[in-house]
Amino acid sequence: MTDFSGKIVLVTGASRGIGKSIALEFARRGADIAFNYLRNHSAAEKTKQDIEHLGVRCLKVKAHLGDPEKISELF
Protein backbone atom coordinates (compact mmCIF):
# COMPACT_ATOMS: atom_id res chain seq x y z
CA MET A 1 0.00 0.00 0.00
CA THR A 2 1.43 3.39 -1.03
CA ASP A 3 2.15 5.89 1.73
CA PHE A 4 0.95 9.42 0.93
CA SER A 5 2.29 11.07 4.10
CA GLY A 6 3.42 14.61 3.38
CA LYS A 7 1.26 14.83 0.26
CA ILE A 8 -1.89 16.88 -0.32
CA VAL A 9 -4.68 15.34 -2.37
CA LEU A 10 -7.44 17.41 -3.99
CA VAL A 11 -10.70 15.47 -4.38
CA THR A 12 -13.63 17.08 -6.16
CA GLY A 13 -17.12 16.31 -4.92
CA ALA A 14 -15.96 14.49 -1.79
CA SER A 15 -18.81 15.31 0.57
CA ARG A 16 -20.46 11.95 -0.17
CA GLY A 17 -20.46 8.89 -2.40
CA ILE A 18 -17.43 7.85 -4.43
CA GLY A 19 -15.63 11.14 -3.82
CA LYS A 20 -15.90 10.67 -0.06
CA SER A 21 -14.62 7.10 -0.32
CA ILE A 22 -11.63 8.26 -2.37
CA ALA A 23 -10.84 11.06 0.09
CA LEU A 24 -11.06 8.71 3.07
CA GLU A 25 -8.76 6.15 1.44
CA PHE A 26 -6.10 8.77 0.70
CA ALA A 27 -6.44 10.00 4.30
CA ARG A 28 -5.98 6.44 5.60
CA ARG A 29 -2.76 6.36 3.60
CA GLY A 30 -1.54 9.55 5.28
CA ALA A 31 -2.43 12.30 2.78
CA ASP A 32 -3.81 15.64 3.84
CA ILE A 33 -7.06 16.27 1.98
CA ALA A 34 -8.60 19.29 0.26
CA PHE A 35 -12.06 18.81 -1.19
CA ASN A 36 -14.92 20.78 -2.61
CA TYR A 37 -18.66 20.50 -2.23
CA LEU A 38 -21.55 22.48 -3.66
CA ARG A 39 -24.79 22.11 -1.72
CA ASN A 40 -24.75 19.78 1.26
CA HIS A 41 -22.83 21.63 3.98
CA SER A 42 -23.70 19.10 6.71
CA ALA A 43 -22.44 16.16 4.62
CA ALA A 44 -19.27 18.09 3.82
CA GLU A 45 -18.70 18.87 7.49
CA LYS A 46 -19.20 15.18 8.39
CA THR A 47 -16.68 14.17 5.73
CA LYS A 48 -14.20 16.72 7.09
CA GLN A 49 -14.61 15.34 10.61
CA ASP A 50 -14.21 11.74 9.38
CA ILE A 51 -10.99 12.68 7.58
CA GLU A 52 -9.56 14.61 10.54
CA HIS A 53 -10.40 11.67 12.80
CA LEU A 54 -7.84 9.71 10.76
CA GLY A 55 -5.13 12.12 11.96
CA VAL A 56 -4.59 14.19 8.83
CA ARG A 57 -5.45 17.78 7.93
CA CYS A 58 -8.51 18.58 5.85
CA LEU A 59 -9.75 21.66 4.02
CA LYS A 60 -13.30 21.81 2.65
CA VAL A 61 -14.22 24.49 0.13
CA LYS A 62 -17.65 25.34 -1.23
CA ALA A 63 -17.08 25.74 -4.98
CA HIS A 64 -19.12 25.12 -8.13
CA LEU A 65 -16.85 23.37 -10.64
CA GLY A 66 -19.53 23.18 -13.34
CA ASP A 67 -19.07 26.89 -14.07
CA PRO A 68 -15.59 27.77 -15.41
CA GLU A 69 -15.76 31.24 -13.88
CA LYS A 70 -16.36 29.72 -10.42
CA ILE A 71 -13.43 27.29 -10.52
CA SER A 72 -11.09 29.99 -9.23
CA GLU A 73 -13.04 29.91 -5.93
CA LEU A 74 -11.40 26.57 -5.21
CA PHE A 75 -7.96 28.18 -5.36
PDB file of N, CA and C in Angstrom:
ATOM      1  N   MET A   1       0.844  -1.167   0.000  1.00  0.00           N
ATOM      2  CA  MET A   1       0.000   0.000   0.000  1.00  0.00           C
ATOM      3  C   MET A   1       0.901   1.246   0.000  1.00  0.00           C
ATOM      4  N   THR A   2       0.633   2.173  -0.898  1.00  0.00           N
ATOM      5  CA  THR A   2       1.427   3.385  -1.031  1.00  0.00           C
ATOM      6  C   THR A   2       1.166   4.341   0.126  1.00  0.00           C
ATOM      7  N   ASP A   3       2.249   4.909   0.651  1.00  0.00           N
ATOM      8  CA  ASP A   3       2.151   5.891   1.733  1.00  0.00           C
ATOM      9  C   ASP A   3       2.114   7.290   1.121  1.00  0.00           C
ATOM     10  N   PHE A   4       1.099   8.064   1.449  1.00  0.00           N
ATOM     11  CA  PHE A   4       0.948   9.417   0.930  1.00  0.00           C
ATOM     12  C   PHE A   4       1.246  10.480   1.991  1.00  0.00           C
ATOM     13  N   SER A   5       1.933  10.103   3.055  1.00  0.00           N
ATOM     14  CA  SER A   5       2.293  11.066   4.102  1.00  0.00           C
ATOM     15  C   SER A   5       3.082  12.215   3.490  1.00  0.00           C
ATOM     16  N   GLY A   6       2.740  13.439   3.902  1.00  0.00           N
ATOM     17  CA  GLY A   6       3.424  14.610   3.381  1.00  0.00           C
ATOM     18  C   GLY A   6       2.876  15.113   2.059  1.00  0.00           C
ATOM     19  N   LYS A   7       1.890  14.435   1.524  1.00  0.00           N
ATOM     20  CA  LYS A   7       1.263  14.832   0.258  1.00  0.00           C
ATOM     21  C   LYS A   7      -0.094  15.464   0.540  1.00  0.00           C
ATOM     22  N   ILE A   8      -0.551  16.297  -0.384  1.00  0.00           N
ATOM     23  CA  ILE A   8      -1.889  16.876  -0.322  1.00  0.00           C
ATOM     24  C   ILE A   8      -2.659  16.388  -1.534  1.00  0.00           C
ATOM     25  N   VAL A   9      -3.845  15.862  -1.296  1.00  0.00           N
ATOM     26  CA  VAL A   9      -4.682  15.341  -2.373  1.00  0.00           C
ATOM     27  C   VAL A   9      -5.927  16.207  -2.484  1.00  0.00           C
ATOM     28  N   LEU A  10      -6.230  16.657  -3.705  1.00  0.00           N
ATOM     29  CA  LEU A  10      -7.441  17.414  -3.986  1.00  0.00           C
ATOM     30  C   LEU A  10      -8.469  16.463  -4.581  1.00  0.00           C
ATOM     31  N   VAL A  11      -9.621  16.348  -3.920  1.00  0.00           N
ATOM     32  CA  VAL A  11     -10.696  15.467  -4.381  1.00  0.00           C
ATOM     33  C   VAL A  11     -11.921  16.337  -4.641  1.00  0.00           C
ATOM     34  N   THR A  12     -12.437  16.288  -5.850  1.00  0.00           N
ATOM     35  CA  THR A  12     -13.629  17.077  -6.159  1.00  0.00           C
ATOM     36  C   THR A  12     -14.871  16.272  -5.810  1.00  0.00           C
ATOM     37  N   GLY A  13     -15.854  16.953  -5.257  1.00  0.00           N
ATOM     38  CA  GLY A  13     -17.122  16.307  -4.920  1.00  0.00           C
ATOM     39  C   GLY A  13     -16.994  15.242  -3.855  1.00  0.00           C
ATOM     40  N   ALA A  14     -16.250  15.521  -2.793  1.00  0.00           N
ATOM     41  CA  ALA A  14     -15.963  14.493  -1.792  1.00  0.00           C
ATOM     42  C   ALA A  14     -16.868  14.530  -0.571  1.00  0.00           C
ATOM     43  N   SER A  15     -17.956  15.265  -0.622  1.00  0.00           N
ATOM     44  CA  SER A  15     -18.813  15.313   0.567  1.00  0.00           C
ATOM     45  C   SER A  15     -19.595  14.024   0.770  1.00  0.00           C
ATOM     46  N   ARG A  16     -19.730  13.227  -0.302  1.00  0.00           N
ATOM     47  CA  ARG A  16     -20.459  11.954  -0.166  1.00  0.00           C
ATOM     48  C   ARG A  16     -20.115  11.039  -1.340  1.00  0.00           C
ATOM     49  N   GLY A  17     -20.605   9.832  -1.286  1.00  0.00           N
ATOM     50  CA  GLY A  17     -20.455   8.891  -2.397  1.00  0.00           C
ATOM     51  C   GLY A  17     -19.024   8.487  -2.695  1.00  0.00           C
ATOM     52  N   ILE A  18     -18.748   8.310  -3.988  1.00  0.00           N
ATOM     53  CA  ILE A  18     -17.433   7.846  -4.430  1.00  0.00           C
ATOM     54  C   ILE A  18     -16.342   8.840  -4.041  1.00  0.00           C
ATOM     55  N   GLY A  19     -16.622  10.128  -4.186  1.00  0.00           N
ATOM     56  CA  GLY A  19     -15.627  11.138  -3.816  1.00  0.00           C
ATOM     57  C   GLY A  19     -15.225  11.040  -2.357  1.00  0.00           C
ATOM     58  N   LYS A  20     -16.198  10.824  -1.484  1.00  0.00           N
ATOM     59  CA  LYS A  20     -15.899  10.671  -0.057  1.00  0.00           C
ATOM     60  C   LYS A  20     -15.051   9.431   0.174  1.00  0.00           C
ATOM     61  N   SER A  21     -15.397   8.334  -0.479  1.00  0.00           N
ATOM     62  CA  SER A  21     -14.622   7.096  -0.321  1.00  0.00           C
ATOM     63  C   SER A  21     -13.177   7.288  -0.766  1.00  0.00           C
ATOM     64  N   ILE A  22     -12.984   7.997  -1.872  1.00  0.00           N
ATOM     65  CA  ILE A  22     -11.633   8.261  -2.367  1.00  0.00           C
ATOM     66  C   ILE A  22     -10.866   9.122  -1.365  1.00  0.00           C
ATOM     67  N   ALA A  23     -11.497  10.182  -0.871  1.00  0.00           N
ATOM     68  CA  ALA A  23     -10.836  11.063   0.094  1.00  0.00           C
ATOM     69  C   ALA A  23     -10.449  10.307   1.360  1.00  0.00           C
ATOM     70  N   LEU A  24     -11.349   9.476   1.861  1.00  0.00           N
ATOM     71  CA  LEU A  24     -11.057   8.709   3.075  1.00  0.00           C
ATOM     72  C   LEU A  24      -9.910   7.728   2.856  1.00  0.00           C
ATOM     73  N   GLU A  25      -9.852   7.103   1.700  1.00  0.00           N
ATOM     74  CA  GLU A  25      -8.764   6.152   1.436  1.00  0.00           C
ATOM     75  C   GLU A  25      -7.417   6.867   1.378  1.00  0.00           C
ATOM     76  N   PHE A  26      -7.354   8.012   0.708  1.00  0.00           N
ATOM     77  CA  PHE A  26      -6.101   8.772   0.698  1.00  0.00           C
ATOM     78  C   PHE A  26      -5.728   9.209   2.113  1.00  0.00           C
ATOM     79  N   ALA A  27      -6.711   9.611   2.915  1.00  0.00           N
ATOM     80  CA  ALA A  27      -6.442  10.002   4.302  1.00  0.00           C
ATOM     81  C   ALA A  27      -5.907   8.820   5.107  1.00  0.00           C
ATOM     82  N   ARG A  28      -6.479   7.641   4.908  1.00  0.00           N
ATOM     83  CA  ARG A  28      -5.981   6.437   5.600  1.00  0.00           C
ATOM     84  C   ARG A  28      -4.520   6.173   5.255  1.00  0.00           C
ATOM     85  N   ARG A  29      -4.131   6.567   4.052  1.00  0.00           N
ATOM     86  CA  ARG A  29      -2.755   6.357   3.595  1.00  0.00           C
ATOM     87  C   ARG A  29      -1.850   7.534   3.941  1.00  0.00           C
ATOM     88  N   GLY A  30      -2.372   8.491   4.733  1.00  0.00           N
ATOM     89  CA  GLY A  30      -1.539   9.555   5.278  1.00  0.00           C
ATOM     90  C   GLY A  30      -1.603  10.899   4.582  1.00  0.00           C
ATOM     91  N   ALA A  31      -2.363  11.025   3.510  1.00  0.00           N
ATOM     92  CA  ALA A  31      -2.429  12.297   2.782  1.00  0.00           C
ATOM     93  C   ALA A  31      -3.312  13.304   3.506  1.00  0.00           C
ATOM     94  N   ASP A  32      -2.908  14.562   3.454  1.00  0.00           N
ATOM     95  CA  ASP A  32      -3.806  15.642   3.844  1.00  0.00           C
ATOM     96  C   ASP A  32      -4.774  15.836   2.681  1.00  0.00           C
ATOM     97  N   ILE A  33      -6.005  16.224   2.986  1.00  0.00           N
ATOM     98  CA  ILE A  33      -7.060  16.270   1.976  1.00  0.00           C
ATOM     99  C   ILE A  33      -7.617  17.680   1.830  1.00  0.00           C
ATOM    100  N   ALA A  34      -7.815  18.096   0.590  1.00  0.00           N
ATOM    101  CA  ALA A  34      -8.601  19.288   0.262  1.00  0.00           C
ATOM    102  C   ALA A  34      -9.725  18.802  -0.642  1.00  0.00           C
ATOM    103  N   PHE A  35     -10.952  19.226  -0.338  1.00  0.00           N
ATOM    104  CA  PHE A  35     -12.059  18.808  -1.194  1.00  0.00           C
ATOM    105  C   PHE A  35     -13.088  19.908  -1.328  1.00  0.00           C
ATOM    106  N   ASN A  36     -13.853  19.813  -2.410  1.00  0.00           N
ATOM    107  CA  ASN A  36     -14.924  20.782  -2.610  1.00  0.00           C
ATOM    108  C   ASN A  36     -16.278  20.102  -2.489  1.00  0.00           C
ATOM    109  N   TYR A  37     -17.254  20.936  -2.239  1.00  0.00           N
ATOM    110  CA  TYR A  37     -18.655  20.502  -2.231  1.00  0.00           C
ATOM    111  C   TYR A  37     -19.464  21.663  -2.776  1.00  0.00           C
ATOM    112  N   LEU A  38     -20.723  21.402  -3.116  1.00  0.00           N
ATOM    113  CA  LEU A  38     -21.546  22.477  -3.660  1.00  0.00           C
ATOM    114  C   LEU A  38     -22.728  22.817  -2.775  1.00  0.00           C
ATOM    115  N   ARG A  39     -23.531  21.819  -2.406  1.00  0.00           N
ATOM    116  CA  ARG A  39     -24.788  22.112  -1.715  1.00  0.00           C
ATOM    117  C   ARG A  39     -24.870  21.631  -0.273  1.00  0.00           C
ATOM    118  N   ASN A  40     -24.460  20.424  -0.019  1.00  0.00           N
ATOM    119  CA  ASN A  40     -24.749  19.783   1.257  1.00  0.00           C
ATOM    120  C   ASN A  40     -23.665  20.079   2.300  1.00  0.00           C
ATOM    121  N   HIS A  41     -23.824  21.206   2.984  1.00  0.00           N
ATOM    122  CA  HIS A  41     -22.830  21.627   3.976  1.00  0.00           C
ATOM    123  C   HIS A  41     -22.681  20.610   5.107  1.00  0.00           C
ATOM    124  N   SER A  42     -23.794  20.045   5.581  1.00  0.00           N
ATOM    125  CA  SER A  42     -23.704  19.103   6.706  1.00  0.00           C
ATOM    126  C   SER A  42     -22.959  17.833   6.304  1.00  0.00           C
ATOM    127  N   ALA A  43     -23.176  17.336   5.088  1.00  0.00           N
ATOM    128  CA  ALA A  43     -22.441  16.158   4.617  1.00  0.00           C
ATOM    129  C   ALA A  43     -20.959  16.488   4.465  1.00  0.00           C
ATOM    130  N   ALA A  44     -20.660  17.681   3.969  1.00  0.00           N
ATOM    131  CA  ALA A  44     -19.266  18.095   3.817  1.00  0.00           C
ATOM    132  C   ALA A  44     -18.579  18.205   5.175  1.00  0.00           C
ATOM    133  N   GLU A  45     -19.274  18.750   6.146  1.00  0.00           N
ATOM    134  CA  GLU A  45     -18.704  18.873   7.488  1.00  0.00           C
ATOM    135  C   GLU A  45     -18.458  17.495   8.101  1.00  0.00           C
ATOM    136  N   LYS A  46     -19.364  16.560   7.892  1.00  0.00           N
ATOM    137  CA  LYS A  46     -19.197  15.183   8.394  1.00  0.00           C
ATOM    138  C   LYS A  46     -17.983  14.530   7.741  1.00  0.00           C
ATOM    139  N   THR A  47     -17.838  14.713   6.432  1.00  0.00           N
ATOM    140  CA  THR A  47     -16.679  14.168   5.733  1.00  0.00           C
ATOM    141  C   THR A  47     -15.394  14.756   6.304  1.00  0.00           C
ATOM    142  N   LYS A  48     -15.376  16.062   6.518  1.00  0.00           N
ATOM    143  CA  LYS A  48     -14.195  16.725   7.089  1.00  0.00           C
ATOM    144  C   LYS A  48     -13.850  16.126   8.453  1.00  0.00           C
ATOM    145  N   GLN A  49     -14.842  15.925   9.291  1.00  0.00           N
ATOM    146  CA  GLN A  49     -14.609  15.335  10.611  1.00  0.00           C
ATOM    147  C   GLN A  49     -14.085  13.908  10.492  1.00  0.00           C
ATOM    148  N   ASP A  50     -14.656  13.127   9.579  1.00  0.00           N
ATOM    149  CA  ASP A  50     -14.207  11.743   9.376  1.00  0.00           C
ATOM    150  C   ASP A  50     -12.740  11.709   8.947  1.00  0.00           C
ATOM    151  N   ILE A  51     -12.371  12.620   8.057  1.00  0.00           N
ATOM    152  CA  ILE A  51     -10.988  12.678   7.577  1.00  0.00           C
ATOM    153  C   ILE A  51     -10.053  13.100   8.709  1.00  0.00           C
ATOM    154  N   GLU A  52     -10.405  14.148   9.437  1.00  0.00           N
ATOM    155  CA  GLU A  52      -9.557  14.614  10.538  1.00  0.00           C
ATOM    156  C   GLU A  52      -9.422  13.563  11.636  1.00  0.00           C
ATOM    157  N   HIS A  53     -10.444  12.755  11.819  1.00  0.00           N
ATOM    158  CA  HIS A  53     -10.397  11.670  12.804  1.00  0.00           C
ATOM    159  C   HIS A  53      -9.294  10.664  12.457  1.00  0.00           C
ATOM    160  N   LEU A  54      -8.908  10.605  11.194  1.00  0.00           N
ATOM    161  CA  LEU A  54      -7.839   9.706  10.763  1.00  0.00           C
ATOM    162  C   LEU A  54      -6.453  10.305  11.003  1.00  0.00           C
ATOM    163  N   GLY A  55      -6.405  11.524  11.568  1.00  0.00           N
ATOM    164  CA  GLY A  55      -5.132  12.116  11.960  1.00  0.00           C
ATOM    165  C   GLY A  55      -4.440  12.954  10.898  1.00  0.00           C
ATOM    166  N   VAL A  56      -5.167  13.340   9.861  1.00  0.00           N
ATOM    167  CA  VAL A  56      -4.591  14.194   8.828  1.00  0.00           C
ATOM    168  C   VAL A  56      -5.356  15.517   8.779  1.00  0.00           C
ATOM    169  N   ARG A  57      -4.784  16.482   8.078  1.00  0.00           N
ATOM    170  CA  ARG A  57      -5.445  17.780   7.929  1.00  0.00           C
ATOM    171  C   ARG A  57      -6.449  17.724   6.782  1.00  0.00           C
ATOM    172  N   CYS A  58      -7.473  18.570   6.883  1.00  0.00           N
ATOM    173  CA  CYS A  58      -8.507  18.582   5.853  1.00  0.00           C
ATOM    174  C   CYS A  58      -9.023  20.003   5.652  1.00  0.00           C
ATOM    175  N   LEU A  59      -9.169  20.375   4.395  1.00  0.00           N
ATOM    176  CA  LEU A  59      -9.748  21.659   4.018  1.00  0.00           C
ATOM    177  C   LEU A  59     -10.951  21.393   3.125  1.00  0.00           C
ATOM    178  N   LYS A  60     -12.115  21.919   3.505  1.00  0.00           N
ATOM    179  CA  LYS A  60     -13.299  21.811   2.646  1.00  0.00           C
ATOM    180  C   LYS A  60     -13.608  23.186   2.094  1.00  0.00           C
ATOM    181  N   VAL A  61     -13.956  23.230   0.803  1.00  0.00           N
ATOM    182  CA  VAL A  61     -14.221  24.494   0.129  1.00  0.00           C
ATOM    183  C   VAL A  61     -15.516  24.371  -0.648  1.00  0.00           C
ATOM    184  N   LYS A  62     -16.419  25.313  -0.438  1.00  0.00           N
ATOM    185  CA  LYS A  62     -17.649  25.343  -1.226  1.00  0.00           C
ATOM    186  C   LYS A  62     -17.316  25.995  -2.564  1.00  0.00           C
ATOM    187  N   ALA A  63     -17.422  25.226  -3.651  1.00  0.00           N
ATOM    188  CA  ALA A  63     -17.075  25.738  -4.975  1.00  0.00           C
ATOM    189  C   ALA A  63     -17.843  24.975  -6.042  1.00  0.00           C
ATOM    190  N   HIS A  64     -18.351  25.701  -7.023  1.00  0.00           N
ATOM    191  CA  HIS A  64     -19.120  25.121  -8.130  1.00  0.00           C
ATOM    192  C   HIS A  64     -18.175  24.904  -9.310  1.00  0.00           C
ATOM    193  N   LEU A  65     -17.809  23.661  -9.578  1.00  0.00           N
ATOM    194  CA  LEU A  65     -16.852  23.369 -10.641  1.00  0.00           C
ATOM    195  C   LEU A  65     -17.509  23.189 -12.000  1.00  0.00           C
ATOM    196  N   GLY A  66     -18.836  23.270 -12.066  1.00  0.00           N
ATOM    197  CA  GLY A  66     -19.530  23.178 -13.344  1.00  0.00           C
ATOM    198  C   GLY A  66     -19.537  24.493 -14.101  1.00  0.00           C
ATOM    199  N   ASP A  67     -19.113  25.563 -13.467  1.00  0.00           N
ATOM    200  CA  ASP A  67     -19.069  26.893 -14.067  1.00  0.00           C
ATOM    201  C   ASP A  67     -17.608  27.341 -14.112  1.00  0.00           C
ATOM    202  N   PRO A  68     -17.013  27.424 -15.315  1.00  0.00           N
ATOM    203  CA  PRO A  68     -15.587  27.765 -15.412  1.00  0.00           C
ATOM    204  C   PRO A  68     -15.196  29.035 -14.659  1.00  0.00           C
ATOM    205  N   GLU A  69     -16.081  30.006 -14.588  1.00  0.00           N
ATOM    206  CA  GLU A  69     -15.756  31.240 -13.879  1.00  0.00           C
ATOM    207  C   GLU A  69     -15.695  31.034 -12.365  1.00  0.00           C
ATOM    208  N   LYS A  70     -16.329  29.987 -11.864  1.00  0.00           N
ATOM    209  CA  LYS A  70     -16.361  29.725 -10.424  1.00  0.00           C
ATOM    210  C   LYS A  70     -15.206  28.840  -9.953  1.00  0.00           C
ATOM    211  N   ILE A  71     -14.511  28.214 -10.889  1.00  0.00           N
ATOM    212  CA  ILE A  71     -13.434  27.293 -10.520  1.00  0.00           C
ATOM    213  C   ILE A  71     -12.365  27.999  -9.691  1.00  0.00           C
ATOM    214  N   SER A  72     -12.119  29.265  -9.970  1.00  0.00           N
ATOM    215  CA  SER A  72     -11.087  29.995  -9.227  1.00  0.00           C
ATOM    216  C   SER A  72     -11.408  30.074  -7.739  1.00  0.00           C
ATOM    217  N   GLU A  73     -12.676  29.899  -7.351  1.00  0.00           N
ATOM    218  CA  GLU A  73     -13.037  29.912  -5.929  1.00  0.00           C
ATOM    219  C   GLU A  73     -12.359  28.780  -5.159  1.00  0.00           C
ATOM    220  N   LEU A  74     -12.042  27.710  -5.864  1.00  0.00           N
ATOM    221  CA  LEU A  74     -11.396  26.572  -5.213  1.00  0.00           C
ATOM    222  C   LEU A  74      -9.947  26.896  -4.861  1.00  0.00           C
ATOM    223  N   PHE A  75      -9.363  27.846  -5.568  1.00  0.00           N
ATOM    224  CA  PHE A  75      -7.958  28.176  -5.359  1.00  0.00           C
ATOM    225  C   PHE A  75      -7.834  29.531  -4.712  1.00  0.00           C
TER     226      PHE A  75
END
